[in-house]
Protein backbone atom coordinates (compact mmCIF):
# COMPACT_ATOMS: atom_id res chain seq x y z
CA MET A 1 -11.65 21.39 -24.45
CA LYS A 2 -11.94 17.66 -23.70
CA ILE A 3 -9.89 16.36 -20.78
CA ASN A 4 -7.72 13.39 -21.72
CA ILE A 5 -7.87 11.31 -18.53
CA ILE A 6 -6.86 8.06 -20.23
CA GLY A 7 -3.82 9.71 -21.81
CA LYS A 8 -2.46 10.55 -18.34
CA LYS A 9 -3.46 7.24 -16.74
CA TYR A 10 0.06 6.31 -15.66
CA TRP A 11 0.39 9.57 -13.74
CA TYR A 12 -2.77 8.68 -11.82
CA PHE A 13 -1.41 5.19 -11.13
CA LEU A 14 1.81 6.78 -9.86
CA LEU A 15 -0.13 9.08 -7.51
CA SER A 16 -1.93 6.04 -6.10
CA LEU A 17 1.39 4.29 -5.49
CA ILE A 18 2.78 7.38 -3.73
CA VAL A 19 -0.13 7.18 -1.27
CA ILE A 20 -0.24 3.39 -0.91
CA VAL A 21 3.47 2.51 -0.57
CA PRO A 22 4.15 4.37 2.74
CA GLY A 23 1.05 2.73 4.23
CA VAL A 24 2.13 -0.74 3.10
CA ILE A 25 5.61 -0.16 4.56
CA SER A 26 3.98 0.92 7.84
CA LEU A 27 1.81 -2.22 7.81
CA ILE A 28 4.87 -4.42 7.35
CA LEU A 29 6.92 -2.66 10.02
CA PHE A 30 4.31 -1.71 12.61
CA GLY A 31 1.05 -3.46 11.70
CA LEU A 32 -2.26 -2.10 12.99
CA ASN A 33 -2.85 -0.83 16.50
CA LEU A 34 -5.67 -3.26 17.30
CA SER A 35 -8.17 -2.46 20.03
CA VAL A 36 -9.08 -4.86 22.82
CA GLU A 37 -12.02 -6.02 20.68
CA PHE A 38 -9.46 -7.92 18.58
CA THR A 39 -6.57 -8.56 21.00
CA GLY A 40 -8.44 -9.09 24.25
CA GLY A 41 -7.88 -6.90 27.31
CA SER A 42 -9.51 -4.02 29.17
CA ASN A 43 -10.39 -0.45 28.29
CA LEU A 44 -10.89 2.02 31.14
CA THR A 45 -11.84 5.67 30.91
CA LEU A 46 -11.25 7.80 34.02
CA ALA A 47 -12.55 11.39 34.23
CA PHE A 48 -10.72 13.70 36.64
CA PRO A 49 -11.79 17.21 37.79
CA SER A 50 -8.86 18.75 35.90
CA LYS A 51 -6.27 17.80 33.30
CA VAL A 52 -3.91 15.04 34.42
CA SER A 53 -0.18 15.76 34.43
CA SER A 54 2.53 13.42 33.16
CA ARG A 55 3.60 12.77 36.77
CA GLU A 56 0.08 11.67 37.66
CA LEU A 57 -0.02 9.41 34.57
CA THR A 58 3.15 7.76 35.84
CA GLN A 59 1.50 7.23 39.24
CA ILE A 60 -1.49 5.54 37.57
CA SER A 61 0.84 3.31 35.54
CA ASN A 62 2.73 2.34 38.71
CA ILE A 63 -0.50 1.33 40.44
CA PHE A 64 -1.33 -1.04 37.58
CA THR A 65 2.22 -2.44 37.65
CA GLN A 66 2.03 -3.03 41.42
CA ASN A 67 -1.12 -5.07 40.81
CA LYS A 68 0.74 -7.12 38.15
CA ILE A 69 -1.34 -5.72 35.26
CA LYS A 70 0.53 -4.59 32.16
CA ILE A 71 -0.63 -1.35 30.55
CA GLN A 72 -0.49 -1.48 26.74
CA ASN A 73 -1.36 2.18 26.20
CA ILE A 74 -2.28 5.17 28.37
CA THR A 75 -3.29 8.55 26.93
CA THR A 76 -5.18 11.69 27.92
CA SER A 77 -8.02 13.55 26.24
CA GLY A 78 -8.85 16.75 28.07
CA ASN A 79 -9.44 15.72 31.67
CA GLN A 80 -9.93 12.05 30.73
CA VAL A 81 -7.38 9.26 31.07
CA LEU A 82 -7.78 6.42 28.54
CA ILE A 83 -6.17 3.15 29.59
CA LYS A 84 -5.72 -0.02 27.54
CA SER A 85 -4.33 -2.94 29.53
CA GLN A 86 -4.29 -6.67 30.03
CA PRO A 87 -7.66 -8.09 31.17
CA VAL A 88 -8.80 -6.59 34.49
CA ASP A 89 -11.51 -8.46 36.40
CA GLN A 90 -14.09 -6.69 38.59
CA ASN A 91 -12.22 -7.27 41.86
CA GLN A 92 -9.01 -5.86 40.38
CA ASP A 93 -10.94 -2.91 38.97
CA ILE A 94 -12.38 -2.05 42.40
CA LEU A 95 -8.95 -2.36 44.04
CA ILE A 96 -7.17 -0.26 41.41
CA THR A 97 -9.90 2.38 41.50
CA GLN A 98 -9.53 2.76 45.27
CA GLU A 99 -5.74 3.02 45.04
CA ILE A 100 -5.91 5.70 42.33
CA LYS A 101 -8.43 7.71 44.41
CA THR A 102 -6.13 7.45 47.43
CA SER A 103 -3.16 8.63 45.38
CA LEU A 104 -4.71 11.27 43.09
CA GLY A 105 -8.07 12.18 44.61
CA ASN A 106 -11.63 11.61 43.48
CA PHE A 107 -12.58 10.84 39.86
CA ASP A 108 -15.37 9.18 37.85
CA GLN A 109 -14.88 5.90 36.04
CA GLN A 110 -16.83 6.59 32.84
CA SER A 111 -16.31 3.20 31.19
CA TYR A 112 -14.92 -0.24 31.93
CA GLU A 113 -14.78 -2.92 29.22
CA THR A 114 -13.07 -6.31 29.31
CA ILE A 115 -12.84 -8.78 26.41
CA GLY A 116 -11.13 -12.16 26.55
CA PRO A 117 -8.36 -12.96 24.03
CA THR A 118 -10.36 -15.86 22.53
CA ILE A 119 -13.33 -13.62 21.72
CA GLY A 120 -10.97 -10.97 20.34
CA ALA A 121 -9.27 -13.45 17.99
CA GLU A 122 -12.65 -14.72 16.80
CA THR A 123 -13.84 -11.15 16.11
CA LEU A 124 -10.72 -10.41 14.05
CA GLN A 125 -11.14 -13.64 12.08
CA ASN A 126 -14.80 -12.85 11.32
CA ALA A 127 -13.85 -9.34 10.17
CA ILE A 128 -11.32 -10.76 7.69
CA TYR A 129 -13.88 -13.30 6.44
CA ALA A 130 -16.42 -10.51 5.92
CA LEU A 131 -13.97 -8.54 3.74
CA ILE A 132 -13.06 -11.61 1.65
CA VAL A 133 -16.67 -12.71 1.12
CA ALA A 134 -17.73 -9.17 0.18
CA SER A 135 -14.97 -8.97 -2.46
CA ILE A 136 -15.86 -12.36 -3.98
CA LEU A 137 -19.56 -11.50 -4.17
CA ILE A 138 -18.76 -8.19 -5.87
CA VAL A 139 -16.70 -9.92 -8.60
CA ILE A 140 -19.49 -12.42 -9.21
CA TYR A 141 -22.14 -9.71 -9.30
CA ILE A 142 -20.27 -7.42 -11.71
CA THR A 143 -19.29 -10.31 -13.99
CA TRP A 144 -22.94 -11.39 -14.19
CA SER A 145 -24.37 -7.89 -14.57
CA PHE A 146 -21.99 -6.98 -17.42
CA ARG A 147 -22.24 -10.34 -19.20
CA SER A 148 -23.74 -8.65 -22.30
CA VAL A 149 -20.99 -6.05 -22.65
CA PRO A 150 -19.88 -5.74 -26.32
CA LYS A 151 -16.37 -6.61 -27.47
CA PRO A 152 -13.44 -5.84 -27.38
CA THR A 153 -13.71 -6.22 -23.59
CA SER A 154 -15.48 -8.78 -21.38
CA SER A 155 -17.55 -8.79 -18.20
CA PHE A 156 -14.78 -10.62 -16.33
CA ARG A 157 -12.37 -7.74 -16.95
CA PHE A 158 -14.91 -5.30 -15.51
CA GLY A 159 -15.15 -7.42 -12.36
CA VAL A 160 -11.39 -7.75 -11.93
CA CYS A 161 -10.75 -4.01 -12.50
CA ALA A 162 -13.46 -3.14 -9.97
CA ILE A 163 -11.78 -5.39 -7.38
CA ILE A 164 -8.35 -3.86 -8.08
CA ALA A 165 -9.84 -0.40 -7.47
CA LEU A 166 -11.49 -1.77 -4.32
CA ILE A 167 -8.16 -3.19 -3.08
CA HIS A 168 -6.62 0.23 -3.79
CA ASP A 169 -9.15 1.88 -1.47
CA VAL A 170 -8.71 -0.71 1.28
CA LEU A 171 -4.90 -0.39 1.13
CA VAL A 172 -5.09 3.40 1.29
CA LEU A 173 -7.39 3.25 4.32
CA ILE A 174 -5.62 0.47 6.22
CA GLY A 175 -2.17 1.88 5.40
CA LEU A 176 -3.03 5.36 6.68
CA PHE A 177 -4.54 3.90 9.87
CA SER A 178 -1.37 1.88 10.40
CA ILE A 179 0.55 5.18 10.27
CA PHE A 180 -2.01 6.86 12.55
CA GLY A 181 -1.81 3.94 14.98
CA HIS A 182 1.98 4.01 15.21
CA PHE A 183 2.47 7.76 15.50
CA PHE A 184 -0.80 8.92 17.13
CA GLY A 185 -2.02 5.83 18.98
CA VAL A 186 -5.21 5.45 16.92
CA GLU A 187 -6.81 2.05 17.50
CA VAL A 188 -8.55 -0.17 14.95
CA ASP A 189 -11.86 -1.48 16.32
CA SER A 190 -15.14 -2.90 15.03
CA LEU A 191 -16.24 0.56 13.87
CA PHE A 192 -13.19 0.63 11.59
CA VAL A 193 -14.25 -2.70 10.04
CA THR A 194 -17.71 -1.19 9.50
CA ALA A 195 -16.07 1.80 7.80
CA VAL A 196 -14.01 -0.48 5.51
CA LEU A 197 -17.10 -2.45 4.44
CA THR A 198 -18.98 0.81 3.82
CA VAL A 199 -16.12 2.14 1.71
CA ILE A 200 -16.05 -1.10 -0.31
CA GLY A 201 -19.75 -0.73 -1.12
CA PHE A 202 -19.45 2.96 -1.96
CA SER A 203 -16.36 2.46 -4.13
CA VAL A 204 -17.94 -0.31 -6.17
CA HIS A 205 -21.17 1.69 -6.55
CA ASP A 206 -19.22 4.61 -8.02
CA THR A 207 -17.21 2.30 -10.28
CA ILE A 208 -20.33 0.60 -11.63
CA VAL A 209 -21.78 3.98 -12.67
CA VAL A 210 -18.74 4.58 -14.91
CA PHE A 211 -18.66 0.98 -16.16
CA ASP A 212 -22.33 1.10 -17.09
CA ARG A 213 -21.73 4.20 -19.22
CA ILE A 214 -18.81 2.46 -20.92
CA ARG A 215 -21.10 -0.46 -21.78
CA GLU A 216 -23.75 1.89 -23.21
CA ASN A 217 -21.22 3.75 -25.34
CA LEU A 218 -19.68 0.50 -26.62
CA ARG A 219 -23.13 -0.59 -27.80
CA ARG A 220 -23.73 2.77 -29.45
CA VAL A 221 -20.40 3.51 -31.18
CA GLY A 222 -18.54 0.19 -31.04
CA GLY A 223 -15.12 -0.53 -29.60
CA GLU A 224 -12.84 0.40 -32.50
CA ASN A 225 -11.27 3.17 -30.38
CA PHE A 226 -11.69 1.66 -26.94
CA ALA A 227 -9.55 4.22 -25.09
CA GLU A 228 -11.61 7.12 -26.48
CA VAL A 229 -14.89 5.41 -25.53
CA VAL A 230 -13.66 4.92 -21.96
CA ASN A 231 -12.41 8.50 -21.72
CA ASP A 232 -15.74 9.89 -22.97
CA SER A 233 -17.63 7.66 -20.52
CA ILE A 234 -15.57 8.94 -17.59
CA LEU A 235 -16.20 12.56 -18.58
CA GLN A 236 -19.94 11.93 -19.01
CA THR A 237 -20.24 10.53 -15.48
CA LEU A 238 -17.67 12.83 -13.83
CA ASP A 239 -20.16 15.42 -12.55
CA ARG A 240 -22.44 12.75 -11.11
CA SER A 241 -19.57 10.98 -9.33
CA LEU A 242 -18.15 14.16 -7.85
CA ASN A 243 -21.53 15.53 -6.77
CA THR A 244 -22.53 12.25 -5.11
CA SER A 245 -19.25 12.05 -3.22
CA LEU A 246 -19.29 15.71 -2.23
CA THR A 247 -22.70 15.46 -0.57
CA VAL A 248 -21.49 12.50 1.52
CA ILE A 249 -18.22 14.26 2.39
CA LEU A 250 -20.05 17.39 3.58
CA VAL A 251 -22.19 15.28 5.94
CA LEU A 252 -19.09 13.50 7.25
CA ILE A 253 -17.31 16.82 7.87
CA ALA A 254 -20.29 17.95 9.96
CA LEU A 255 -20.13 14.68 11.93
CA LEU A 256 -16.39 15.11 12.40
CA ILE A 257 -16.91 18.56 13.89
CA PHE A 258 -19.96 17.86 16.04
CA GLY A 259 -20.08 14.06 16.41
CA GLY A 260 -17.87 13.70 19.46
CA GLU A 261 -14.82 11.68 20.40
CA THR A 262 -16.36 8.19 20.19
CA ILE A 263 -17.02 8.28 16.42
CA ARG A 264 -14.24 10.67 15.36
CA TRP A 265 -11.90 8.09 13.82
CA PHE A 266 -14.81 6.19 12.32
CA VAL A 267 -15.76 9.37 10.47
CA VAL A 268 -12.13 9.97 9.48
CA ALA A 269 -11.99 6.44 8.05
CA LEU A 270 -15.13 7.09 6.00
CA LEU A 271 -13.75 10.41 4.74
CA ILE A 272 -10.49 8.81 3.62
CA GLY A 273 -12.22 5.80 2.08
CA ILE A 274 -14.89 7.72 0.17
CA THR A 275 -12.35 10.21 -1.17
CA SER A 276 -10.10 7.33 -2.26
CA GLY A 277 -13.11 5.45 -3.68
CA THR A 278 -14.12 8.41 -5.83
CA TYR A 279 -10.56 8.80 -7.08
CA SER A 280 -10.08 5.11 -7.89
CA SER A 281 -13.44 4.84 -9.68
CA ILE A 282 -12.50 7.67 -12.04
CA PHE A 283 -8.73 7.43 -12.36
CA ASN A 284 -7.90 3.76 -11.70
CA ALA A 285 -10.70 1.30 -12.49
CA SER A 286 -11.62 2.47 -16.00
CA PRO A 287 -8.04 3.26 -17.13
CA LEU A 288 -7.11 -0.29 -16.05
CA LEU A 289 -9.60 -1.59 -18.63
CA VAL A 290 -7.71 0.34 -21.29
CA VAL A 291 -4.31 -0.96 -20.09
CA TRP A 292 -5.65 -4.52 -20.16
CA GLN A 293 -7.03 -4.07 -23.69
CA ASP A 294 -3.75 -2.55 -24.91
CA LEU A 295 -1.81 -5.52 -23.54
CA ILE A 296 -4.09 -7.98 -25.33
CA GLN A 297 -3.76 -6.08 -28.63
CA ARG A 298 0.03 -6.04 -28.38
CA ARG A 299 0.09 -9.75 -27.68
CA ARG A 300 -2.07 -10.43 -30.73
CA LYS A 301 0.19 -8.35 -32.95
């Protein structure tokens, strides 16, 4: 029995909206929880012999306040205390460290990182530029590569539909991380930007596989029943798309379990993005070609 994916395309679009809309609302209301790499400030990681209580966290916060340094976020992970604050210079770091040791006892300072606000703003700007340039290059590449696609469609439509699917994946990923940042304190850093760019490349790669099969089938059988050609093309590439994504997802699950704290949310971002990319390549990008063609036919009639 042949699966009619194109016939249920609006249900798939609705499912995408159900996932995207809460994330967009979160972005509007809360934004992203940017790390000091983008905002400027200091990150300190303190490792204590045992788990730190809430009372001790308050004592640490008070020490920073007494030294006129505002803490933006303070959390615990096991016996570690993770502090994000306004910029702390080396002299202030030495003073604060001594005061915390006097108050709470000995500990190890595992990391200390300070980034100025100017460098942070420049990093954020470059990250946005990278995403925009990548999207433009993808449209140009797909339009050129599919320039010989037979009618009734055109190479430009392939490029635009690929970018819409790409935007879908980026919105899913950024929206969910906005929710994670607001409710769980997850920060967006340069690794997250790397994950977004990786997801963009993976999503477009998967989409091109389906688009290429559509082009081959249009050459072979013509475009008289465009929706059926697209549906057959999706089904013919479905196993390949799912198998390719599954192998990557299995590796990422292993990294999530054994990779450690430092790359955990980077791996989560890749898992979300690759899952969304596989979905959008199959259920969004190609069905959008059919919707576009239907609109043109109705206009002509």
